[in-house]
Amino acid sequence: MKLYIGNMPFSMSGQDLRSLFSTHGEVLSANVIMDRDTGRPRGFAFIEMSDDDAKKAMAALHEHEVDGRNLNVNEAKPRGDRGGGGGGGGGGGGRNRY
């Protein structure tokens, strides 16, 4: 199962994340998402664990405080299933010149 971890302190590394979650089971992968332009962490990550271990970790670590921030731990949603929807359209600002 893949977990989404949000509201992470920017100082938290992949190794920190792996250490925290490994107390609840085997971490298969840990990926802190980095900003493409700055190379800095974006404040969220993904962890993969077995289903049982992931459920234990989710129950134990959701709202767990790390460096003054409460982690948001949920099952990750597939890219196409994130709801929302696009914004788009409209725009236009500026004056019309004929």
PDB file of N, CA and C in Angstrom:
ATOM      1  N   MET A   1       0.852  -1.175   0.000  1.00  0.00           N
ATOM      2  CA  MET A   1       0.000   0.000   0.000  1.00  0.00           C
ATOM      3  C   MET A   1       0.897   1.238   0.000  1.00  0.00           C
ATOM      4  N   LYS A   2       0.480   2.217  -0.755  1.00  0.00           N
ATOM      5  CA  LYS A   2       1.233   3.465  -0.839  1.00  0.00           C
ATOM      6  C   LYS A   2       0.550   4.505   0.036  1.00  0.00           C
ATOM      7  N   LEU A   3       1.340   5.167   0.881  1.00  0.00           N
ATOM      8  CA  LEU A   3       0.830   6.205   1.768  1.00  0.00           C
ATOM      9  C   LEU A   3       1.326   7.572   1.335  1.00  0.00           C
ATOM     10  N   TYR A   4       0.461   8.563   1.488  1.00  0.00           N
ATOM     11  CA  TYR A   4       0.819   9.966   1.272  1.00  0.00           C
ATOM     12  C   TYR A   4       1.091  10.564   2.644  1.00  0.00           C
ATOM     13  N   ILE A   5       2.209  11.249   2.784  1.00  0.00           N
ATOM     14  CA  ILE A   5       2.549  11.927   4.027  1.00  0.00           C
ATOM     15  C   ILE A   5       2.662  13.410   3.714  1.00  0.00           C
ATOM     16  N   GLY A   6       1.789  14.202   4.297  1.00  0.00           N
ATOM     17  CA  GLY A   6       1.782  15.635   4.054  1.00  0.00           C
ATOM     18  C   GLY A   6       2.078  16.416   5.322  1.00  0.00           C
ATOM     19  N   ASN A   7       2.240  17.722   5.164  1.00  0.00           N
ATOM     20  CA  ASN A   7       2.546  18.651   6.249  1.00  0.00           C
ATOM     21  C   ASN A   7       3.853  18.288   6.958  1.00  0.00           C
ATOM     22  N   MET A   8       4.804  17.762   6.189  1.00  0.00           N
ATOM     23  CA  MET A   8       6.103  17.395   6.753  1.00  0.00           C
ATOM     24  C   MET A   8       6.954  18.633   6.975  1.00  0.00           C
ATOM     25  N   PRO A   9       7.772  18.623   8.038  1.00  0.00           N
ATOM     26  CA  PRO A   9       8.740  19.709   8.169  1.00  0.00           C
ATOM     27  C   PRO A   9       9.741  19.620   7.010  1.00  0.00           C
ATOM     28  N   PHE A  10      10.157  20.760   6.503  1.00  0.00           N
ATOM     29  CA  PHE A  10      11.069  20.772   5.354  1.00  0.00           C
ATOM     30  C   PHE A  10      12.436  20.188   5.703  1.00  0.00           C
ATOM     31  N   SER A  11      12.733  20.088   6.990  1.00  0.00           N
ATOM     32  CA  SER A  11      14.015  19.533   7.428  1.00  0.00           C
ATOM     33  C   SER A  11      14.021  18.006   7.432  1.00  0.00           C
ATOM     34  N   MET A  12      12.869  17.382   7.243  1.00  0.00           N
ATOM     35  CA  MET A  12      12.772  15.922   7.331  1.00  0.00           C
ATOM     36  C   MET A  12      13.279  15.262   6.052  1.00  0.00           C
ATOM     37  N   SER A  13      14.250  14.378   6.209  1.00  0.00           N
ATOM     38  CA  SER A  13      14.846  13.686   5.060  1.00  0.00           C
ATOM     39  C   SER A  13      14.139  12.355   4.814  1.00  0.00           C
ATOM     40  N   GLY A  14      14.469  11.736   3.704  1.00  0.00           N
ATOM     41  CA  GLY A  14      13.949  10.405   3.402  1.00  0.00           C
ATOM     42  C   GLY A  14      14.354   9.396   4.455  1.00  0.00           C
ATOM     43  N   GLN A  15      15.566   9.523   4.966  1.00  0.00           N
ATOM     44  CA  GLN A  15      16.034   8.597   6.005  1.00  0.00           C
ATOM     45  C   GLN A  15      15.265   8.813   7.305  1.00  0.00           C
ATOM     46  N   ASP A  16      14.991  10.088   7.652  1.00  0.00           N
ATOM     47  CA  ASP A  16      14.182  10.384   8.843  1.00  0.00           C
ATOM     48  C   ASP A  16      12.802   9.746   8.709  1.00  0.00           C
ATOM     49  N   LEU A  17      12.222   9.890   7.541  1.00  0.00           N
ATOM     50  CA  LEU A  17      10.889   9.360   7.270  1.00  0.00           C
ATOM     51  C   LEU A  17      10.895   7.835   7.371  1.00  0.00           C
ATOM     52  N   ARG A  18      11.888   7.230   6.736  1.00  0.00           N
ATOM     53  CA  ARG A  18      12.018   5.765   6.767  1.00  0.00           C
ATOM     54  C   ARG A  18      12.169   5.280   8.208  1.00  0.00           C
ATOM     55  N   SER A  19      12.981   5.960   8.998  1.00  0.00           N
ATOM     56  CA  SER A  19      13.184   5.569  10.407  1.00  0.00           C
ATOM     57  C   SER A  19      11.886   5.656  11.200  1.00  0.00           C
ATOM     58  N   LEU A  20      11.139   6.739  11.009  1.00  0.00           N
ATOM     59  CA  LEU A  20       9.889   6.924  11.733  1.00  0.00           C
ATOM     60  C   LEU A  20       8.877   5.827  11.379  1.00  0.00           C
ATOM     61  N   PHE A  21       8.712   5.547  10.098  1.00  0.00           N
ATOM     62  CA  PHE A  21       7.717   4.574   9.665  1.00  0.00           C
ATOM     63  C   PHE A  21       8.157   3.137   9.921  1.00  0.00           C
ATOM     64  N   SER A  22       9.449   2.868   9.952  1.00  0.00           N
ATOM     65  CA  SER A  22       9.919   1.492  10.144  1.00  0.00           C
ATOM     66  C   SER A  22       9.614   0.974  11.544  1.00  0.00           C
ATOM     67  N   THR A  23       9.271   1.864  12.480  1.00  0.00           N
ATOM     68  CA  THR A  23       8.867   1.390  13.813  1.00  0.00           C
ATOM     69  C   THR A  23       7.507   0.699  13.760  1.00  0.00           C
ATOM     70  N   HIS A  24       6.809   0.808  12.617  1.00  0.00           N
ATOM     71  CA  HIS A  24       5.484   0.205  12.467  1.00  0.00           C
ATOM     72  C   HIS A  24       5.458  -0.898  11.413  1.00  0.00           C
ATOM     73  N   GLY A  25       6.614  -1.246  10.860  1.00  0.00           N
ATOM     74  CA  GLY A  25       6.695  -2.312   9.869  1.00  0.00           C
ATOM     75  C   GLY A  25       7.773  -2.013   8.847  1.00  0.00           C
ATOM     76  N   GLU A  26       7.890  -2.913   7.887  1.00  0.00           N
ATOM     77  CA  GLU A  26       8.928  -2.779   6.865  1.00  0.00           C
ATOM     78  C   GLU A  26       8.545  -1.720   5.830  1.00  0.00           C
ATOM     79  N   VAL A  27       9.455  -0.778   5.630  1.00  0.00           N
ATOM     80  CA  VAL A  27       9.261   0.257   4.615  1.00  0.00           C
ATOM     81  C   VAL A  27       9.876  -0.252   3.312  1.00  0.00           C
ATOM     82  N   LEU A  28       9.036  -0.392   2.290  1.00  0.00           N
ATOM     83  CA  LEU A  28       9.515  -0.887   1.003  1.00  0.00           C
ATOM     84  C   LEU A  28      10.161   0.231   0.185  1.00  0.00           C
ATOM     85  N   SER A  29       9.620   1.450   0.304  1.00  0.00           N
ATOM     86  CA  SER A  29      10.238   2.611  -0.345  1.00  0.00           C
ATOM     87  C   SER A  29       9.787   3.868   0.366  1.00  0.00           C
ATOM     88  N   ALA A  30      10.630   4.890   0.304  1.00  0.00           N
ATOM     89  CA  ALA A  30      10.326   6.202   0.880  1.00  0.00           C
ATOM     90  C   ALA A  30      10.818   7.248  -0.108  1.00  0.00           C
ATOM     91  N   ASN A  31       9.939   8.157  -0.496  1.00  0.00           N
ATOM     92  CA  ASN A  31      10.288   9.140  -1.511  1.00  0.00           C
ATOM     93  C   ASN A  31       9.808  10.526  -1.088  1.00  0.00           C
ATOM     94  N   VAL A  32      10.734  11.378  -0.652  1.00  0.00           N
ATOM     95  CA  VAL A  32      10.412  12.762  -0.324  1.00  0.00           C
ATOM     96  C   VAL A  32      10.378  13.531  -1.639  1.00  0.00           C
ATOM     97  N   ILE A  33       9.297  14.252  -1.887  1.00  0.00           N
ATOM     98  CA  ILE A  33       9.132  14.975  -3.147  1.00  0.00           C
ATOM     99  C   ILE A  33       9.877  16.305  -3.072  1.00  0.00           C
ATOM    100  N   MET A  34      10.714  16.522  -4.081  1.00  0.00           N
ATOM    101  CA  MET A  34      11.559  17.719  -4.128  1.00  0.00           C
ATOM    102  C   MET A  34      11.056  18.678  -5.203  1.00  0.00           C
ATOM    103  N   ASP A  35      11.244  19.958  -4.970  1.00  0.00           N
ATOM    104  CA  ASP A  35      10.896  20.974  -5.956  1.00  0.00           C
ATOM    105  C   ASP A  35      11.894  20.911  -7.100  1.00  0.00           C
ATOM    106  N   ARG A  36      11.396  20.835  -8.300  1.00  0.00           N
ATOM    107  CA  ARG A  36      12.245  20.728  -9.486  1.00  0.00           C
ATOM    108  C   ARG A  36      13.192  21.910  -9.640  1.00  0.00           C
ATOM    109  N   ASP A  37      12.685  23.099  -9.383  1.00  0.00           N
ATOM    110  CA  ASP A  37      13.467  24.310  -9.628  1.00  0.00           C
ATOM    111  C   ASP A  37      14.481  24.605  -8.530  1.00  0.00           C
ATOM    112  N   THR A  38      14.071  24.419  -7.265  1.00  0.00           N
ATOM    113  CA  THR A  38      14.951  24.803  -6.154  1.00  0.00           C
ATOM    114  C   THR A  38      15.733  23.640  -5.570  1.00  0.00           C
ATOM    115  N   GLY A  39      15.268  22.412  -5.804  1.00  0.00           N
ATOM    116  CA  GLY A  39      15.924  21.243  -5.217  1.00  0.00           C
ATOM    117  C   GLY A  39      15.600  21.061  -3.741  1.00  0.00           C
ATOM    118  N   ARG A  40      14.663  21.853  -3.223  1.00  0.00           N
ATOM    119  CA  ARG A  40      14.279  21.760  -1.812  1.00  0.00           C
ATOM    120  C   ARG A  40      13.043  20.864  -1.670  1.00  0.00           C
ATOM    121  N   PRO A  41      12.884  20.282  -0.468  1.00  0.00           N
ATOM    122  CA  PRO A  41      11.691  19.450  -0.241  1.00  0.00           C
ATOM    123  C   PRO A  41      10.418  20.287  -0.367  1.00  0.00           C
ATOM    124  N   ARG A  42       9.344  19.657  -0.863  1.00  0.00           N
ATOM    125  CA  ARG A  42       8.066  20.351  -1.035  1.00  0.00           C
ATOM    126  C   ARG A  42       7.125  20.145   0.147  1.00  0.00           C
ATOM    127  N   GLY A  43       7.540  19.343   1.143  1.00  0.00           N
ATOM    128  CA  GLY A  43       6.719  19.174   2.345  1.00  0.00           C
ATOM    129  C   GLY A  43       5.801  17.966   2.313  1.00  0.00           C
ATOM    130  N   PHE A  44       5.999  17.090   1.322  1.00  0.00           N
ATOM    131  CA  PHE A  44       5.224  15.855   1.317  1.00  0.00           C
ATOM    132  C   PHE A  44       6.056  14.719   0.740  1.00  0.00           C
ATOM    133  N   ALA A  45       5.576  13.495   0.977  1.00  0.00           N
ATOM    134  CA  ALA A  45       6.331  12.311   0.566  1.00  0.00           C
ATOM    135  C   ALA A  45       5.371  11.142   0.360  1.00  0.00           C
ATOM    136  N   PHE A  46       5.930  10.065  -0.170  1.00  0.00           N
ATOM    137  CA  PHE A  46       5.188   8.821  -0.330  1.00  0.00           C
ATOM    138  C   PHE A  46       6.002   7.690   0.279  1.00  0.00           C
ATOM    139  N   ILE A  47       5.321   6.782   0.950  1.00  0.00           N
ATOM    140  CA  ILE A  47       5.925   5.606   1.578  1.00  0.00           C
ATOM    141  C   ILE A  47       5.169   4.387   1.061  1.00  0.00           C
ATOM    142  N   GLU A  48       5.883   3.315   0.805  1.00  0.00           N
ATOM    143  CA  GLU A  48       5.228   2.051   0.458  1.00  0.00           C
ATOM    144  C   GLU A  48       5.541   1.023   1.530  1.00  0.00           C
ATOM    145  N   MET A  49       4.465   0.353   1.989  1.00  0.00           N
ATOM    146  CA  MET A  49       4.567  -0.696   3.005  1.00  0.00           C
ATOM    147  C   MET A  49       3.534  -1.766   2.665  1.00  0.00           C
ATOM    148  N   SER A  50       3.638  -2.934   3.309  1.00  0.00           N
ATOM    149  CA  SER A  50       2.586  -3.938   3.135  1.00  0.00           C
ATOM    150  C   SER A  50       1.284  -3.340   3.663  1.00  0.00           C
ATOM    151  N   ASP A  51       0.154  -3.874   3.228  1.00  0.00           N
ATOM    152  CA  ASP A  51      -1.144  -3.325   3.633  1.00  0.00           C
ATOM    153  C   ASP A  51      -1.301  -3.265   5.154  1.00  0.00           C
ATOM    154  N   ASP A  52      -0.980  -4.361   5.831  1.00  0.00           N
ATOM    155  CA  ASP A  52      -1.137  -4.392   7.294  1.00  0.00           C
ATOM    156  C   ASP A  52      -0.231  -3.383   7.981  1.00  0.00           C
ATOM    157  N   ASP A  53       1.031  -3.333   7.564  1.00  0.00           N
ATOM    158  CA  ASP A  53       1.967  -2.386   8.166  1.00  0.00           C
ATOM    159  C   ASP A  53       1.553  -0.943   7.877  1.00  0.00           C
ATOM    160  N   ALA A  54       1.079  -0.696   6.662  1.00  0.00           N
ATOM    161  CA  ALA A  54       0.658   0.654   6.285  1.00  0.00           C
ATOM    162  C   ALA A  54      -0.524   1.103   7.136  1.00  0.00           C
ATOM    163  N   LYS A  55      -1.466   0.205   7.380  1.00  0.00           N
ATOM    164  CA  LYS A  55      -2.627   0.550   8.206  1.00  0.00           C
ATOM    165  C   LYS A  55      -2.204   0.862   9.633  1.00  0.00           C
ATOM    166  N   LYS A  56      -1.259   0.079  10.159  1.00  0.00           N
ATOM    167  CA  LYS A  56      -0.742   0.347  11.509  1.00  0.00           C
ATOM    168  C   LYS A  56      -0.053   1.708  11.557  1.00  0.00           C
ATOM    169  N   ALA A  57       0.786   1.966  10.559  1.00  0.00           N
ATOM    170  CA  ALA A  57       1.520   3.234  10.518  1.00  0.00           C
ATOM    171  C   ALA A  57       0.563   4.415  10.379  1.00  0.00           C
ATOM    172  N   MET A  58      -0.453   4.267   9.536  1.00  0.00           N
ATOM    173  CA  MET A  58      -1.436   5.334   9.341  1.00  0.00           C
ATOM    174  C   MET A  58      -2.135   5.652  10.663  1.00  0.00           C
ATOM    175  N   ALA A  59      -2.562   4.615  11.369  1.00  0.00           N
ATOM    176  CA  ALA A  59      -3.265   4.807  12.640  1.00  0.00           C
ATOM    177  C   ALA A  59      -2.358   5.467  13.681  1.00  0.00           C
ATOM    178  N   ALA A  60      -1.107   5.083  13.694  1.00  0.00           N
ATOM    179  CA  ALA A  60      -0.185   5.592  14.713  1.00  0.00           C
ATOM    180  C   ALA A  60       0.379   6.970  14.388  1.00  0.00           C
ATOM    181  N   LEU A  61       0.561   7.275  13.107  1.00  0.00           N
ATOM    182  CA  LEU A  61       1.319   8.482  12.756  1.00  0.00           C
ATOM    183  C   LEU A  61       0.491   9.634  12.184  1.00  0.00           C
ATOM    184  N   HIS A  62      -0.779   9.406  11.868  1.00  0.00           N
ATOM    185  CA  HIS A  62      -1.615  10.523  11.406  1.00  0.00           C
ATOM    186  C   HIS A  62      -1.762  11.499  12.574  1.00  0.00           C
ATOM    187  N   GLU A  63      -1.452  12.758  12.335  1.00  0.00           N
ATOM    188  CA  GLU A  63      -1.462  13.825  13.351  1.00  0.00           C
ATOM    189  C   GLU A  63      -0.281  13.729  14.328  1.00  0.00           C
ATOM    190  N   HIS A  64       0.679  12.856  14.052  1.00  0.00           N
ATOM    191  CA  HIS A  64       1.890  12.754  14.888  1.00  0.00           C
ATOM    192  C   HIS A  64       2.737  14.007  14.683  1.00  0.00           C
ATOM    193  N   GLU A  65       3.183  14.619  15.771  1.00  0.00           N
ATOM    194  CA  GLU A  65       3.951  15.859  15.671  1.00  0.00           C
ATOM    195  C   GLU A  65       5.435  15.586  15.425  1.00  0.00           C
ATOM    196  N   VAL A  66       5.969  16.268  14.415  1.00  0.00           N
ATOM    197  CA  VAL A  66       7.397  16.222  14.108  1.00  0.00           C
ATOM    198  C   VAL A  66       7.843  17.665  13.896  1.00  0.00           C
ATOM    199  N   ASP A  67       8.781  18.123  14.693  1.00  0.00           N
ATOM    200  CA  ASP A  67       9.301  19.500  14.601  1.00  0.00           C
ATOM    201  C   ASP A  67       8.185  20.536  14.544  1.00  0.00           C
ATOM    202  N   GLY A  68       7.185  20.366  15.393  1.00  0.00           N
ATOM    203  CA  GLY A  68       6.109  21.344  15.485  1.00  0.00           C
ATOM    204  C   GLY A  68       5.026  21.230  14.429  1.00  0.00           C
ATOM    205  N   ARG A  69       5.108  20.227  13.580  1.00  0.00           N
ATOM    206  CA  ARG A  69       4.084  20.044  12.533  1.00  0.00           C
ATOM    207  C   ARG A  69       3.421  18.696  12.712  1.00  0.00           C
ATOM    208  N   ASN A  70       2.100  18.654  12.546  1.00  0.00           N
ATOM    209  CA  ASN A  70       1.344  17.404  12.643  1.00  0.00           C
ATOM    210  C   ASN A  70       1.266  16.762  11.266  1.00  0.00           C
ATOM    211  N   LEU A  71       1.843  15.568  11.157  1.00  0.00           N
ATOM    212  CA  LEU A  71       1.842  14.866   9.875  1.00  0.00           C
ATOM    213  C   LEU A  71       0.425  14.499   9.453  1.00  0.00           C
ATOM    214  N   ASN A  72       0.203  14.530   8.160  1.00  0.00           N
ATOM    215  CA  ASN A  72      -1.050  14.091   7.559  1.00  0.00           C
ATOM    216  C   ASN A  72      -0.718  12.791   6.824  1.00  0.00           C
ATOM    217  N   VAL A  73      -1.213  11.669   7.328  1.00  0.00           N
ATOM    218  CA  VAL A  73      -0.881  10.355   6.743  1.00  0.00           C
ATOM    219  C   VAL A  73      -2.164   9.702   6.254  1.00  0.00           C
ATOM    220  N   ASN A  74      -2.245   9.479   4.949  1.00  0.00           N
ATOM    221  CA  ASN A  74      -3.415   8.870   4.315  1.00  0.00           C
ATOM    222  C   ASN A  74      -2.975   7.896   3.236  1.00  0.00           C
ATOM    223  N   GLU A  75      -3.917   7.047   2.824  1.00  0.00           N
ATOM    224  CA  GLU A  75      -3.633   6.188   1.679  1.00  0.00           C
ATOM    225  C   GLU A  75      -3.524   7.077   0.451  1.00  0.00           C
ATOM    226  N   ALA A  76      -2.486   6.873  -0.338  1.00  0.00           N
ATOM    227  CA  ALA A  76      -2.271   7.677  -1.550  1.00  0.00           C
ATOM    228  C   ALA A  76      -3.343   7.326  -2.573  1.00  0.00           C
ATOM    229  N   LYS A  77      -3.825   8.336  -3.271  1.00  0.00           N
ATOM    230  CA  LYS A  77      -4.823   8.142  -4.325  1.00  0.00           C
ATOM    231  C   LYS A  77      -4.110   8.064  -5.670  1.00  0.00           C
ATOM    232  N   PRO A  78      -4.606   7.235  -6.570  1.00  0.00           N
ATOM    233  CA  PRO A  78      -4.019   7.205  -7.914  1.00  0.00           C
ATOM    234  C   PRO A  78      -4.129   8.581  -8.568  1.00  0.00           C
ATOM    235  N   ARG A  79      -3.196   8.912  -9.422  1.00  0.00           N
ATOM    236  CA  ARG A  79      -3.169  10.233 -10.051  1.00  0.00           C
ATOM    237  C   ARG A  79      -4.497  10.648 -10.662  1.00  0.00           C
ATOM    238  N   GLY A  80      -5.181   9.758 -11.347  1.00  0.00           N
ATOM    239  CA  GLY A  80      -6.424  10.107 -12.014  1.00  0.00           C
ATOM    240  C   GLY A  80      -7.612  10.232 -11.074  1.00  0.00           C
ATOM    241  N   ASP A  81      -7.454   9.927  -9.792  1.00  0.00           N
ATOM    242  CA  ASP A  81      -8.569   9.863  -8.864  1.00  0.00           C
ATOM    243  C   ASP A  81      -8.430  10.893  -7.744  1.00  0.00           C
ATOM    244  N   ARG A  82      -7.898  12.066  -8.074  1.00  0.00           N
ATOM    245  CA  ARG A  82      -7.668  13.057  -7.034  1.00  0.00           C
ATOM    246  C   ARG A  82      -8.768  14.104  -6.956  1.00  0.00           C
ATOM    247  N   GLY A  83      -9.809  13.968  -7.745  1.00  0.00           N
ATOM    248  CA  GLY A  83     -10.916  14.909  -7.676  1.00  0.00           C
ATOM    249  C   GLY A  83     -10.503  16.283  -8.162  1.00  0.00           C
ATOM    250  N   GLY A  84     -11.252  17.254  -7.787  1.00  0.00           N
ATOM    251  CA  GLY A  84     -10.891  18.607  -8.159  1.00  0.00           C
ATOM    252  C   GLY A  84     -11.306  18.901  -9.575  1.00  0.00           C
ATOM    253  N   GLY A  85     -10.456  19.024 -10.424  1.00  0.00           N
ATOM    254  CA  GLY A  85     -10.791  19.319 -11.780  1.00  0.00           C
ATOM    255  C   GLY A  85     -10.259  20.663 -12.106  1.00  0.00           C
ATOM    256  N   GLY A  86      -9.976  20.894 -13.046  1.00  0.00           N
ATOM    257  CA  GLY A  86      -9.147  21.865 -13.549  1.00  0.00           C
ATOM    258  C   GLY A  86      -9.306  23.288 -13.585  1.00  0.00           C
ATOM    259  N   GLY A  87      -9.975  24.019 -13.175  1.00  0.00           N
ATOM    260  CA  GLY A  87      -9.751  25.446 -13.223  1.00  0.00           C
ATOM    261  C   GLY A  87     -10.060  26.043 -14.573  1.00  0.00           C
ATOM    262  N   GLY A  88      -9.283  26.136 -15.340  1.00  0.00           N
ATOM    263  CA  GLY A  88      -9.232  26.582 -16.709  1.00  0.00           C
ATOM    264  C   GLY A  88     -10.246  27.600 -17.192  1.00  0.00           C
ATOM    265  N   GLY A  89     -10.148  27.927 -18.389  1.00  0.00           N
ATOM    266  CA  GLY A  89     -11.081  28.828 -19.035  1.00  0.00           C
ATOM    267  C   GLY A  89     -10.893  30.272 -18.621  1.00  0.00           C
ATOM    268  N   GLY A  90     -11.865  31.031 -18.897  1.00  0.00           N
ATOM    269  CA  GLY A  90     -11.908  32.411 -18.436  1.00  0.00           C
ATOM    270  C   GLY A  90     -10.741  33.233 -18.905  1.00  0.00           C
ATOM    271  N   GLY A  91      -9.997  33.653 -18.030  1.00  0.00           N
ATOM    272  CA  GLY A  91      -8.826  34.453 -18.345  1.00  0.00           C
ATOM    273  C   GLY A  91      -9.190  35.710 -19.078  1.00  0.00           C
ATOM    274  N   GLY A  92      -8.354  36.199 -19.743  1.00  0.00           N
ATOM    275  CA  GLY A  92      -8.679  37.313 -20.584  1.00  0.00           C
ATOM    276  C   GLY A  92      -8.250  38.639 -20.075  1.00  0.00           C
ATOM    277  N   GLY A  93      -8.232  39.004 -18.951  1.00  0.00           N
ATOM    278  CA  GLY A  93      -7.896  40.328 -18.445  1.00  0.00           C
ATOM    279  C   GLY A  93      -7.506  41.319 -19.540  1.00  0.00           C
ATOM    280  N   GLY A  94      -7.177  42.446 -19.207  1.00  0.00           N
ATOM    281  CA  GLY A  94      -6.712  43.421 -20.207  1.00  0.00           C
ATOM    282  C   GLY A  94      -7.857  44.051 -20.973  1.00  0.00           C
ATOM    283  N   ARG A  95      -7.516  45.002 -21.810  1.00  0.00           N
ATOM    284  CA  ARG A  95      -8.538  45.720 -22.571  1.00  0.00           C
ATOM    285  C   ARG A  95      -8.648  45.145 -23.966  1.00  0.00           C
ATOM    286  N   ASN A  96      -9.849  45.231 -24.470  1.00  0.00           N
ATOM    287  CA  ASN A  96     -10.046  44.813 -25.855  1.00  0.00           C
ATOM    288  C   ASN A  96      -9.725  45.990 -26.756  1.00  0.00           C
ATOM    289  N   ARG A  97      -8.944  45.758 -27.748  1.00  0.00           N
ATOM    290  CA  ARG A  97      -8.629  46.821 -28.700  1.00  0.00           C
ATOM    291  C   ARG A  97      -9.176  46.431 -30.043  1.00  0.00           C
ATOM    292  N   TYR A  98     -10.040  47.269 -30.568  1.00  0.00           N
ATOM    293  CA  TYR A  98     -10.644  46.971 -31.862  1.00  0.00           C
ATOM    294  C   TYR A  98     -10.117  47.877 -32.908  1.00  0.00           C
TER     295      TYR A  98
END
